[in-house]
PDB file of N, CA and C in Angstrom:
ATOM      1  N   MET A   1      -8.818  -6.129   5.036  1.00  0.00           N
ATOM      2  CA  MET A   1      -9.323  -7.449   4.748  1.00  0.00           C
ATOM      3  C   MET A   1      -9.148  -7.791   3.273  1.00  0.00           C
ATOM      4  N   LEU A   2      -9.448  -6.828   2.410  1.00  0.00           N
ATOM      5  CA  LEU A   2      -9.335  -7.079   0.977  1.00  0.00           C
ATOM      6  C   LEU A   2      -7.911  -7.421   0.548  1.00  0.00           C
ATOM      7  N   PRO A   3      -6.876  -6.709   1.048  1.00  0.00           N
ATOM      8  CA  PRO A   3      -5.519  -7.100   0.649  1.00  0.00           C
ATOM      9  C   PRO A   3      -5.172  -8.538   1.025  1.00  0.00           C
ATOM     10  N   ILE A   4      -5.650  -9.002   2.170  1.00  0.00           N
ATOM     11  CA  ILE A   4      -5.369 -10.380   2.581  1.00  0.00           C
ATOM     12  C   ILE A   4      -6.005 -11.360   1.605  1.00  0.00           C
ATOM     13  N   VAL A   5      -7.248 -11.089   1.225  1.00  0.00           N
ATOM     14  CA  VAL A   5      -7.936 -11.956   0.266  1.00  0.00           C
ATOM     15  C   VAL A   5      -7.191 -11.956  -1.064  1.00  0.00           C
ATOM     16  N   LEU A   6      -6.731 -10.798  -1.510  1.00  0.00           N
ATOM     17  CA  LEU A   6      -6.017 -10.727  -2.781  1.00  0.00           C
ATOM     18  C   LEU A   6      -4.659 -11.417  -2.711  1.00  0.00           C
ATOM     19  N   TYR A   7      -3.975 -11.325  -1.561  1.00  0.00           N
ATOM     20  CA  TYR A   7      -2.723 -12.074  -1.387  1.00  0.00           C
ATOM     21  C   TYR A   7      -2.989 -13.582  -1.487  1.00  0.00           C
ATOM     22  N   VAL A   8      -4.075 -14.036  -0.872  1.00  0.00           N
ATOM     23  CA  VAL A   8      -4.416 -15.465  -0.918  1.00  0.00           C
ATOM     24  C   VAL A   8      -4.725 -15.885  -2.355  1.00  0.00           C
ATOM     25  N   VAL A   9      -5.506 -15.087  -3.075  1.00  0.00           N
ATOM     26  CA  VAL A   9      -5.833 -15.412  -4.469  1.00  0.00           C
ATOM     27  C   VAL A   9      -4.572 -15.444  -5.322  1.00  0.00           C
ATOM     28  N   GLY A  10      -3.698 -14.450  -5.170  1.00  0.00           N
ATOM     29  CA  GLY A  10      -2.447 -14.424  -5.916  1.00  0.00           C
ATOM     30  C   GLY A  10      -1.573 -15.619  -5.600  1.00  0.00           C
ATOM     31  N   SER A  11      -1.510 -15.986  -4.324  1.00  0.00           N
ATOM     32  CA  SER A  11      -0.716 -17.151  -3.920  1.00  0.00           C
ATOM     33  C   SER A  11      -1.298 -18.439  -4.496  1.00  0.00           C
ATOM     34  N   LEU A  12      -2.628 -18.545  -4.488  1.00  0.00           N
ATOM     35  CA  LEU A  12      -3.261 -19.734  -5.070  1.00  0.00           C
ATOM     36  C   LEU A  12      -2.990 -19.837  -6.572  1.00  0.00           C
ATOM     37  N   LEU A  13      -2.982 -18.707  -7.253  1.00  0.00           N
ATOM     38  CA  LEU A  13      -2.652 -18.724  -8.681  1.00  0.00           C
ATOM     39  C   LEU A  13      -1.219 -19.202  -8.905  1.00  0.00           C
ATOM     40  N   LEU A  14      -0.298 -18.739  -8.073  1.00  0.00           N
ATOM     41  CA  LEU A  14       1.095 -19.172  -8.207  1.00  0.00           C
ATOM     42  C   LEU A  14       1.261 -20.648  -7.841  1.00  0.00           C
ATOM     43  N   VAL A  15       0.537 -21.111  -6.835  1.00  0.00           N
ATOM     44  CA  VAL A  15       0.576 -22.537  -6.491  1.00  0.00           C
ATOM     45  C   VAL A  15      -0.005 -23.357  -7.636  1.00  0.00           C
ATOM     46  N   GLY A  16      -1.086 -22.874  -8.223  1.00  0.00           N
ATOM     47  CA  GLY A  16      -1.661 -23.555  -9.387  1.00  0.00           C
ATOM     48  C   GLY A  16      -0.680 -23.629 -10.539  1.00  0.00           C
ATOM     49  N   ALA A  17       0.092 -22.572 -10.732  1.00  0.00           N
ATOM     50  CA  ALA A  17       1.115 -22.588 -11.790  1.00  0.00           C
ATOM     51  C   ALA A  17       2.185 -23.619 -11.466  1.00  0.00           C
ATOM     52  N   GLY A  18       2.569 -23.711 -10.198  1.00  0.00           N
ATOM     53  CA  GLY A  18       3.559 -24.718  -9.794  1.00  0.00           C
ATOM     54  C   GLY A  18       3.047 -26.130 -10.008  1.00  0.00           C
ATOM     55  N   VAL A  19       1.786 -26.367  -9.673  1.00  0.00           N
ATOM     56  CA  VAL A  19       1.179 -27.683  -9.887  1.00  0.00           C
ATOM     57  C   VAL A  19       1.111 -27.991 -11.380  1.00  0.00           C
ATOM     58  N   ALA A  20       0.781 -26.994 -12.186  1.00  0.00           N
ATOM     59  CA  ALA A  20       0.706 -27.196 -13.638  1.00  0.00           C
ATOM     60  C   ALA A  20       2.068 -27.567 -14.210  1.00  0.00           C
ATOM     61  N   VAL A  21       3.124 -26.956 -13.694  1.00  0.00           N
ATOM     62  CA  VAL A  21       4.475 -27.270 -14.168  1.00  0.00           C
ATOM     63  C   VAL A  21       4.857 -28.691 -13.761  1.00  0.00           C
ATOM     64  N   LEU A  22       4.569 -29.067 -12.522  1.00  0.00           N
ATOM     65  CA  LEU A  22       4.975 -30.381 -12.016  1.00  0.00           C
ATOM     66  C   LEU A  22       4.190 -31.534 -12.635  1.00  0.00           C
ATOM     67  N   THR A  23       2.906 -31.323 -12.871  1.00  0.00           N
ATOM     68  CA  THR A  23       2.065 -32.421 -13.367  1.00  0.00           C
ATOM     69  C   THR A  23       1.912 -32.422 -14.881  1.00  0.00           C
ATOM     70  N   GLY A  24       2.169 -31.302 -15.509  1.00  0.00           N
ATOM     71  CA  GLY A  24       1.975 -31.220 -16.952  1.00  0.00           C
ATOM     72  C   GLY A  24       0.523 -31.001 -17.349  1.00  0.00           C
ATOM     73  N   VAL A  25      -0.356 -30.864 -16.365  1.00  0.00           N
ATOM     74  CA  VAL A  25      -1.779 -30.616 -16.618  1.00  0.00           C
ATOM     75  C   VAL A  25      -2.000 -29.107 -16.647  1.00  0.00           C
ATOM     76  N   MET A  26      -2.899 -28.638 -17.453  1.00  0.00           N
ATOM     77  CA  MET A  26      -3.248 -27.215 -17.574  1.00  0.00           C
ATOM     78  C   MET A  26      -2.070 -26.361 -18.043  1.00  0.00           C
ATOM     79  N   VAL A  27      -1.214 -26.911 -18.857  1.00  0.00           N
ATOM     80  CA  VAL A  27      -0.047 -26.164 -19.339  1.00  0.00           C
ATOM     81  C   VAL A  27      -0.479 -24.952 -20.159  1.00  0.00           C
ATOM     82  N   ALA A  28      -1.618 -25.052 -20.824  1.00  0.00           N
ATOM     83  CA  ALA A  28      -2.103 -23.922 -21.621  1.00  0.00           C
ATOM     84  C   ALA A  28      -2.453 -22.721 -20.735  1.00  0.00           C
ATOM     85  N   LEU A  29      -2.810 -22.978 -19.488  1.00  0.00           N
ATOM     86  CA  LEU A  29      -3.164 -21.886 -18.569  1.00  0.00           C
ATOM     87  C   LEU A  29      -1.959 -21.343 -17.808  1.00  0.00           C
ATOM     88  N   LEU A  30      -0.795 -21.920 -17.996  1.00  0.00           N
ATOM     89  CA  LEU A  30       0.388 -21.546 -17.227  1.00  0.00           C
ATOM     90  C   LEU A  30       0.731 -20.050 -17.309  1.00  0.00           C
ATOM     91  N   PRO A  31       0.769 -19.437 -18.493  1.00  0.00           N
ATOM     92  CA  PRO A  31       1.095 -17.997 -18.535  1.00  0.00           C
ATOM     93  C   PRO A  31       0.092 -17.129 -17.770  1.00  0.00           C
ATOM     94  N   GLN A  32      -1.194 -17.464 -17.882  1.00  0.00           N
ATOM     95  CA  GLN A  32      -2.205 -16.682 -17.171  1.00  0.00           C
ATOM     96  C   GLN A  32      -2.071 -16.851 -15.655  1.00  0.00           C
ATOM     97  N   LEU A  33      -1.781 -18.073 -15.215  1.00  0.00           N
ATOM     98  CA  LEU A  33      -1.630 -18.310 -13.778  1.00  0.00           C
ATOM     99  C   LEU A  33      -0.419 -17.563 -13.224  1.00  0.00           C
ATOM    100  N   ILE A  34       0.695 -17.640 -13.924  1.00  0.00           N
ATOM    101  CA  ILE A  34       1.911 -16.968 -13.458  1.00  0.00           C
ATOM    102  C   ILE A  34       1.735 -15.455 -13.490  1.00  0.00           C
ATOM    103  N   PHE A  35       1.241 -14.926 -14.613  1.00  0.00           N
ATOM    104  CA  PHE A  35       1.083 -13.477 -14.738  1.00  0.00           C
ATOM    105  C   PHE A  35       0.082 -12.942 -13.713  1.00  0.00           C
ATOM    106  N   GLY A  36      -1.055 -13.598 -13.572  1.00  0.00           N
ATOM    107  CA  GLY A  36      -2.074 -13.135 -12.619  1.00  0.00           C
ATOM    108  C   GLY A  36      -1.589 -13.191 -11.186  1.00  0.00           C
ATOM    109  N   GLY A  37      -0.922 -14.280 -10.824  1.00  0.00           N
ATOM    110  CA  GLY A  37      -0.414 -14.415  -9.459  1.00  0.00           C
ATOM    111  C   GLY A  37       0.653 -13.385  -9.142  1.00  0.00           C
ATOM    112  N   LEU A  38       1.606 -13.222 -10.066  1.00  0.00           N
ATOM    113  CA  LEU A  38       2.660 -12.230  -9.836  1.00  0.00           C
ATOM    114  C   LEU A  38       2.108 -10.814  -9.805  1.00  0.00           C
ATOM    115  N   LEU A  39       1.155 -10.530 -10.680  1.00  0.00           N
ATOM    116  CA  LEU A  39       0.549  -9.198 -10.711  1.00  0.00           C
ATOM    117  C   LEU A  39      -0.090  -8.856  -9.364  1.00  0.00           C
ATOM    118  N   LEU A  40      -0.846  -9.792  -8.810  1.00  0.00           N
ATOM    119  CA  LEU A  40      -1.498  -9.538  -7.524  1.00  0.00           C
ATOM    120  C   LEU A  40      -0.495  -9.413  -6.380  1.00  0.00           C
ATOM    121  N   VAL A  41       0.410 -10.366  -6.268  1.00  0.00           N
ATOM    122  CA  VAL A  41       1.327 -10.384  -5.129  1.00  0.00           C
ATOM    123  C   VAL A  41       2.311  -9.213  -5.188  1.00  0.00           C
ATOM    124  N   VAL A  42       2.918  -8.985  -6.344  1.00  0.00           N
ATOM    125  CA  VAL A  42       3.891  -7.891  -6.465  1.00  0.00           C
ATOM    126  C   VAL A  42       3.189  -6.535  -6.374  1.00  0.00           C
ATOM    127  N   GLY A  43       2.021  -6.410  -7.008  1.00  0.00           N
ATOM    128  CA  GLY A  43       1.275  -5.154  -6.945  1.00  0.00           C
ATOM    129  C   GLY A  43       0.874  -4.782  -5.529  1.00  0.00           C
ATOM    130  N   LEU A  44       0.428  -5.759  -4.764  1.00  0.00           N
ATOM    131  CA  LEU A  44       0.060  -5.488  -3.369  1.00  0.00           C
ATOM    132  C   LEU A  44       1.282  -5.152  -2.528  1.00  0.00           C
ATOM    133  N   ALA A  45       2.403  -5.809  -2.789  1.00  0.00           N
ATOM    134  CA  ALA A  45       3.628  -5.503  -2.036  1.00  0.00           C
ATOM    135  C   ALA A  45       4.091  -4.075  -2.325  1.00  0.00           C
ATOM    136  N   ILE A  46       4.035  -3.664  -3.580  1.00  0.00           N
ATOM    137  CA  ILE A  46       4.422  -2.296  -3.936  1.00  0.00           C
ATOM    138  C   ILE A  46       3.463  -1.292  -3.313  1.00  0.00           C
ATOM    139  N   GLU A  47       2.171  -1.596  -3.347  1.00  0.00           N
ATOM    140  CA  GLU A  47       1.179  -0.692  -2.769  1.00  0.00           C
ATOM    141  C   GLU A  47       1.412  -0.528  -1.272  1.00  0.00           C
ATOM    142  N   ARG A  48       1.712  -1.604  -0.591  1.00  0.00           N
ATOM    143  CA  ARG A  48       1.944  -1.550   0.851  1.00  0.00           C
ATOM    144  C   ARG A  48       3.207  -0.756   1.172  1.00  0.00           C
ATOM    145  N   TRP A  49       4.231  -0.891   0.331  1.00  0.00           N
ATOM    146  CA  TRP A  49       5.489  -0.174   0.541  1.00  0.00           C
ATOM    147  C   TRP A  49       5.337   1.307   0.196  1.00  0.00           C
ATOM    148  N   ARG A  50       4.626   1.615  -0.871  1.00  0.00           N
ATOM    149  CA  ARG A  50       4.557   2.978  -1.392  1.00  0.00           C
ATOM    150  C   ARG A  50       3.608   3.880  -0.609  1.00  0.00           C
ATOM    151  N   TYR A  51       2.441   3.382  -0.273  1.00  0.00           N
ATOM    152  CA  TYR A  51       1.439   4.199   0.389  1.00  0.00           C
ATOM    153  C   TYR A  51       1.467   3.926   1.879  1.00  0.00           C
ATOM    154  N   LYS A  52       1.993   4.892   2.602  1.00  0.00           N
ATOM    155  CA  LYS A  52       2.173   4.735   4.041  1.00  0.00           C
ATOM    156  C   LYS A  52       0.899   5.165   4.770  1.00  0.00           C
ATOM    157  N   PRO A  53       0.663   4.592   5.957  1.00  0.00           N
ATOM    158  CA  PRO A  53      -0.524   4.969   6.721  1.00  0.00           C
ATOM    159  C   PRO A  53      -0.396   6.377   7.303  1.00  0.00           C
ATOM    160  N   LEU A  54      -1.532   6.918   7.711  1.00  0.00           N
ATOM    161  CA  LEU A  54      -1.551   8.238   8.351  1.00  0.00           C
ATOM    162  C   LEU A  54      -0.885   8.158   9.709  1.00  0.00           C
ATOM    163  N   LEU A  55      -0.124   9.192  10.055  1.00  0.00           N
ATOM    164  CA  LEU A  55       0.529   9.268  11.357  1.00  0.00           C
ATOM    165  C   LEU A  55      -0.368  10.000  12.341  1.00  0.00           C
ATOM    166  N   ARG A  56      -0.287   9.613  13.576  1.00  0.00           N
ATOM    167  CA  ARG A  56      -1.015  10.296  14.649  1.00  0.00           C
ATOM    168  C   ARG A  56       0.022  10.868  15.608  1.00  0.00           C
ATOM    169  N   GLY A  57       0.187  12.185  15.553  1.00  0.00           N
ATOM    170  CA  GLY A  57       1.157  12.837  16.433  1.00  0.00           C
ATOM    171  C   GLY A  57       2.572  12.402  16.093  1.00  0.00           C
ATOM    172  N   GLY A  58       3.481  12.532  17.056  1.00  0.00           N
ATOM    173  CA  GLY A  58       4.842  12.088  16.865  1.00  0.00           C
ATOM    174  C   GLY A  58       5.584  12.804  15.754  1.00  0.00           C
ATOM    175  N   LEU A  59       5.339  14.102  15.613  1.00  0.00           N
ATOM    176  CA  LEU A  59       6.007  14.866  14.557  1.00  0.00           C
ATOM    177  C   LEU A  59       7.472  15.065  14.885  1.00  0.00           C
ATOM    178  N   ASP A  60       8.300  14.939  13.889  1.00  0.00           N
ATOM    179  CA  ASP A  60       9.721  15.259  14.035  1.00  0.00           C
ATOM    180  C   ASP A  60       9.839  16.780  13.898  1.00  0.00           C
ATOM    181  N   PRO A  61      10.587  17.447  14.773  1.00  0.00           N
ATOM    182  CA  PRO A  61      10.689  18.909  14.705  1.00  0.00           C
ATOM    183  C   PRO A  61      11.331  19.407  13.411  1.00  0.00           C
ATOM    184  N   GLN A  62      12.044  18.553  12.692  1.00  0.00           N
ATOM    185  CA  GLN A  62      12.680  18.978  11.440  1.00  0.00           C
ATOM    186  C   GLN A  62      11.707  18.991  10.267  1.00  0.00           C
ATOM    187  N   TRP A  63      10.562  18.351  10.407  1.00  0.00           N
ATOM    188  CA  TRP A  63       9.594  18.336   9.323  1.00  0.00           C
ATOM    189  C   TRP A  63       8.986  19.717   9.154  1.00  0.00           C
ATOM    190  N   LYS A  64       8.767  20.115   7.934  1.00  0.00           N
ATOM    191  CA  LYS A  64       8.183  21.421   7.611  1.00  0.00           C
ATOM    192  C   LYS A  64       6.734  21.234   7.171  1.00  0.00           C
ATOM    193  N   ASP A  65       5.851  22.053   7.738  1.00  0.00           N
ATOM    194  CA  ASP A  65       4.447  22.016   7.345  1.00  0.00           C
ATOM    195  C   ASP A  65       4.313  22.661   5.974  1.00  0.00           C
ATOM    196  N   THR A  66       3.728  21.944   5.019  1.00  0.00           N
ATOM    197  CA  THR A  66       3.566  22.493   3.664  1.00  0.00           C
ATOM    198  C   THR A  66       2.331  23.374   3.552  1.00  0.00           C
ATOM    199  N   GLY A  67       1.460  23.308   4.553  1.00  0.00           N
ATOM    200  CA  GLY A  67       0.215  24.080   4.495  1.00  0.00           C
ATOM    201  C   GLY A  67      -0.907  23.345   3.772  1.00  0.00           C
ATOM    202  N   GLU A  68      -0.585  22.207   3.209  1.00  0.00           N
ATOM    203  CA  GLU A  68      -1.607  21.426   2.515  1.00  0.00           C
ATOM    204  C   GLU A  68      -2.482  20.706   3.529  1.00  0.00           C
ATOM    205  N   ARG A  69      -3.789  20.763   3.336  1.00  0.00           N
ATOM    206  CA  ARG A  69      -4.752  20.056   4.171  1.00  0.00           C
ATOM    207  C   ARG A  69      -5.774  19.411   3.251  1.00  0.00           C
ATOM    208  N   PHE A  70      -6.185  18.205   3.605  1.00  0.00           N
ATOM    209  CA  PHE A  70      -7.237  17.532   2.842  1.00  0.00           C
ATOM    210  C   PHE A  70      -7.910  16.520   3.751  1.00  0.00           C
ATOM    211  N   VAL A  71      -9.093  16.103   3.349  1.00  0.00           N
ATOM    212  CA  VAL A  71      -9.800  15.052   4.074  1.00  0.00           C
ATOM    213  C   VAL A  71      -9.428  13.736   3.414  1.00  0.00           C
ATOM    214  N   ASP A  72      -8.815  12.849   4.193  1.00  0.00           N
ATOM    215  CA  ASP A  72      -8.399  11.555   3.674  1.00  0.00           C
ATOM    216  C   ASP A  72      -9.634  10.753   3.268  1.00  0.00           C
ATOM    217  N   PRO A  73      -9.711  10.297   2.008  1.00  0.00           N
ATOM    218  CA  PRO A  73     -10.906   9.576   1.571  1.00  0.00           C
ATOM    219  C   PRO A  73     -11.080   8.223   2.265  1.00  0.00           C
ATOM    220  N   GLY A  74      -9.998   7.615   2.711  1.00  0.00           N
ATOM    221  CA  GLY A  74     -10.099   6.306   3.356  1.00  0.00           C
ATOM    222  C   GLY A  74     -10.624   6.376   4.771  1.00  0.00           C
ATOM    223  N   SER A  75     -10.173   7.383   5.523  1.00  0.00           N
ATOM    224  CA  SER A  75     -10.554   7.473   6.934  1.00  0.00           C
ATOM    225  C   SER A  75     -11.552   8.597   7.205  1.00  0.00           C
ATOM    226  N   GLY A  76     -11.656   9.559   6.292  1.00  0.00           N
ATOM    227  CA  GLY A  76     -12.541  10.700   6.500  1.00  0.00           C
ATOM    228  C   GLY A  76     -11.981  11.712   7.482  1.00  0.00           C
ATOM    229  N   GLN A  77     -10.689  11.633   7.809  1.00  0.00           N
ATOM    230  CA  GLN A  77     -10.078  12.525   8.786  1.00  0.00           C
ATOM    231  C   GLN A  77      -9.286  13.626   8.090  1.00  0.00           C
ATOM    232  N   LEU A  78      -9.270  14.807   8.741  1.00  0.00           N
ATOM    233  CA  LEU A  78      -8.492  15.928   8.227  1.00  0.00           C
ATOM    234  C   LEU A  78      -7.011  15.586   8.344  1.00  0.00           C
ATOM    235  N   THR A  79      -6.277  15.777   7.263  1.00  0.00           N
ATOM    236  CA  THR A  79      -4.881  15.361   7.190  1.00  0.00           C
ATOM    237  C   THR A  79      -4.013  16.531   6.742  1.00  0.00           C
ATOM    238  N   ALA A  80      -2.856  16.686   7.404  1.00  0.00           N
ATOM    239  CA  ALA A  80      -1.883  17.714   7.039  1.00  0.00           C
ATOM    240  C   ALA A  80      -0.689  17.029   6.389  1.00  0.00           C
ATOM    241  N   VAL A  81      -0.040  17.762   5.482  1.00  0.00           N
ATOM    242  CA  VAL A  81       1.130  17.234   4.791  1.00  0.00           C
ATOM    243  C   VAL A  81       2.374  17.932   5.331  1.00  0.00           C
ATOM    244  N   TYR A  82       3.343  17.137   5.756  1.00  0.00           N
ATOM    245  CA  TYR A  82       4.624  17.643   6.236  1.00  0.00           C
ATOM    246  C   TYR A  82       5.719  17.120   5.323  1.00  0.00           C
ATOM    247  N   PHE A  83       6.778  17.926   5.175  1.00  0.00           N
ATOM    248  CA  PHE A  83       7.897  17.556   4.311  1.00  0.00           C
ATOM    249  C   PHE A  83       9.147  17.372   5.160  1.00  0.00           C
ATOM    250  N   ASP A  84       9.845  16.280   4.927  1.00  0.00           N
ATOM    251  CA  ASP A  84      11.098  15.990   5.620  1.00  0.00           C
ATOM    252  C   ASP A  84      12.242  16.360   4.678  1.00  0.00           C
ATOM    253  N   PRO A  85      12.914  17.514   4.888  1.00  0.00           N
ATOM    254  CA  PRO A  85      13.951  17.964   3.959  1.00  0.00           C
ATOM    255  C   PRO A  85      15.182  17.058   3.931  1.00  0.00           C
ATOM    256  N   GLN A  86      15.464  16.350   5.033  1.00  0.00           N
ATOM    257  CA  GLN A  86      16.634  15.474   5.048  1.00  0.00           C
ATOM    258  C   GLN A  86      16.451  14.258   4.148  1.00  0.00           C
ATOM    259  N   ARG A  87      15.278  13.668   4.176  1.00  0.00           N
ATOM    260  CA  ARG A  87      15.029  12.451   3.408  1.00  0.00           C
ATOM    261  C   ARG A  87      14.251  12.705   2.121  1.00  0.00           C
ATOM    262  N   GLY A  88      13.669  13.885   1.989  1.00  0.00           N
ATOM    263  CA  GLY A  88      12.892  14.192   0.795  1.00  0.00           C
ATOM    264  C   GLY A  88      11.552  13.489   0.769  1.00  0.00           C
ATOM    265  N   GLU A  89      11.031  13.110   1.929  1.00  0.00           N
ATOM    266  CA  GLU A  89       9.764  12.390   2.012  1.00  0.00           C
ATOM    267  C   GLU A  89       8.645  13.304   2.494  1.00  0.00           C
ATOM    268  N   ARG A  90       7.436  12.930   2.105  1.00  0.00           N
ATOM    269  CA  ARG A  90       6.242  13.603   2.600  1.00  0.00           C
ATOM    270  C   ARG A  90       5.591  12.704   3.641  1.00  0.00           C
ATOM    271  N   HIS A  91       5.069  13.327   4.711  1.00  0.00           N
ATOM    272  CA  HIS A  91       4.407  12.584   5.780  1.00  0.00           C
ATOM    273  C   HIS A  91       2.997  13.131   5.918  1.00  0.00           C
ATOM    274  N   TYR A  92       2.050  12.243   6.108  1.00  0.00           N
ATOM    275  CA  TYR A  92       0.646  12.620   6.229  1.00  0.00           C
ATOM    276  C   TYR A  92       0.215  12.390   7.672  1.00  0.00           C
ATOM    277  N   VAL A  93      -0.201  13.490   8.326  1.00  0.00           N
ATOM    278  CA  VAL A  93      -0.486  13.465   9.753  1.00  0.00           C
ATOM    279  C   VAL A  93      -1.935  13.878   9.980  1.00  0.00           C
ATOM    280  N   VAL A  94      -2.637  13.109  10.826  1.00  0.00           N
ATOM    281  CA  VAL A  94      -4.013  13.443  11.189  1.00  0.00           C
ATOM    282  C   VAL A  94      -3.982  14.666  12.100  1.00  0.00           C
ATOM    283  N   VAL A  95      -4.795  15.681  11.775  1.00  0.00           N
ATOM    284  CA  VAL A  95      -4.858  16.906  12.569  1.00  0.00           C
ATOM    285  C   VAL A  95      -6.305  17.207  12.939  1.00  0.00           C
ATOM    286  N   ASP A  96      -6.479  18.097  13.943  1.00  0.00           N
ATOM    287  CA  ASP A  96      -7.826  18.529  14.307  1.00  0.00           C
ATOM    288  C   ASP A  96      -8.221  19.732  13.448  1.00  0.00           C
ATOM    289  N   GLU A  97      -9.366  20.323  13.731  1.00  0.00           N
ATOM    290  CA  GLU A  97      -9.863  21.436  12.916  1.00  0.00           C
ATOM    291  C   GLU A  97      -8.952  22.668  12.958  1.00  0.00           C
ATOM    292  N   LEU A  98      -8.162  22.796  14.038  1.00  0.00           N
ATOM    293  CA  LEU A  98      -7.261  23.939  14.167  1.00  0.00           C
ATOM    294  C   LEU A  98      -5.884  23.645  13.586  1.00  0.00           C
ATOM    295  N   GLY A  99      -5.684  22.466  13.054  1.00  0.00           N
ATOM    296  CA  GLY A  99      -4.416  22.114  12.426  1.00  0.00           C
ATOM    297  C   GLY A  99      -3.387  21.529  13.372  1.00  0.00           C
ATOM    298  N   ARG A 100      -3.807  21.209  14.607  1.00  0.00           N
ATOM    299  CA  ARG A 100      -2.876  20.619  15.581  1.00  0.00           C
ATOM    300  C   ARG A 100      -2.887  19.091  15.397  1.00  0.00           C
ATOM    301  N   PRO A 101      -1.702  18.484  15.427  1.00  0.00           N
ATOM    302  CA  PRO A 101      -1.652  17.011  15.317  1.00  0.00           C
ATOM    303  C   PRO A 101      -2.397  16.345  16.458  1.00  0.00           C
ATOM    304  N   ARG A 102      -3.078  15.264  16.141  1.00  0.00           N
ATOM    305  CA  ARG A 102      -3.794  14.507  17.169  1.00  0.00           C
ATOM    306  C   ARG A 102      -2.897  13.508  17.821  1.00  0.00           C
TER     307      ARG A 102
END
């Protein structure tokens, strides 16, 4: 819910910057409107691209278990880390207490 609200706020800031350019009103606020809007929209897009959600099952047999386990702070679920040697990516998979994927 929060990312949606922040996307809306960022978009409103950019629309406000567009209105300021077209009307000539609030020109002094133009840098703040553009910078704030771009910061929110681009930052959220990068965050969404960079931080992938937890996977439930569906492990690729080529992925290697790193042995790392942690409790995900967002969901409170036990999470295992797998490494994909072909792509060089790490995958975070929800597991049970015995380490089996759910």
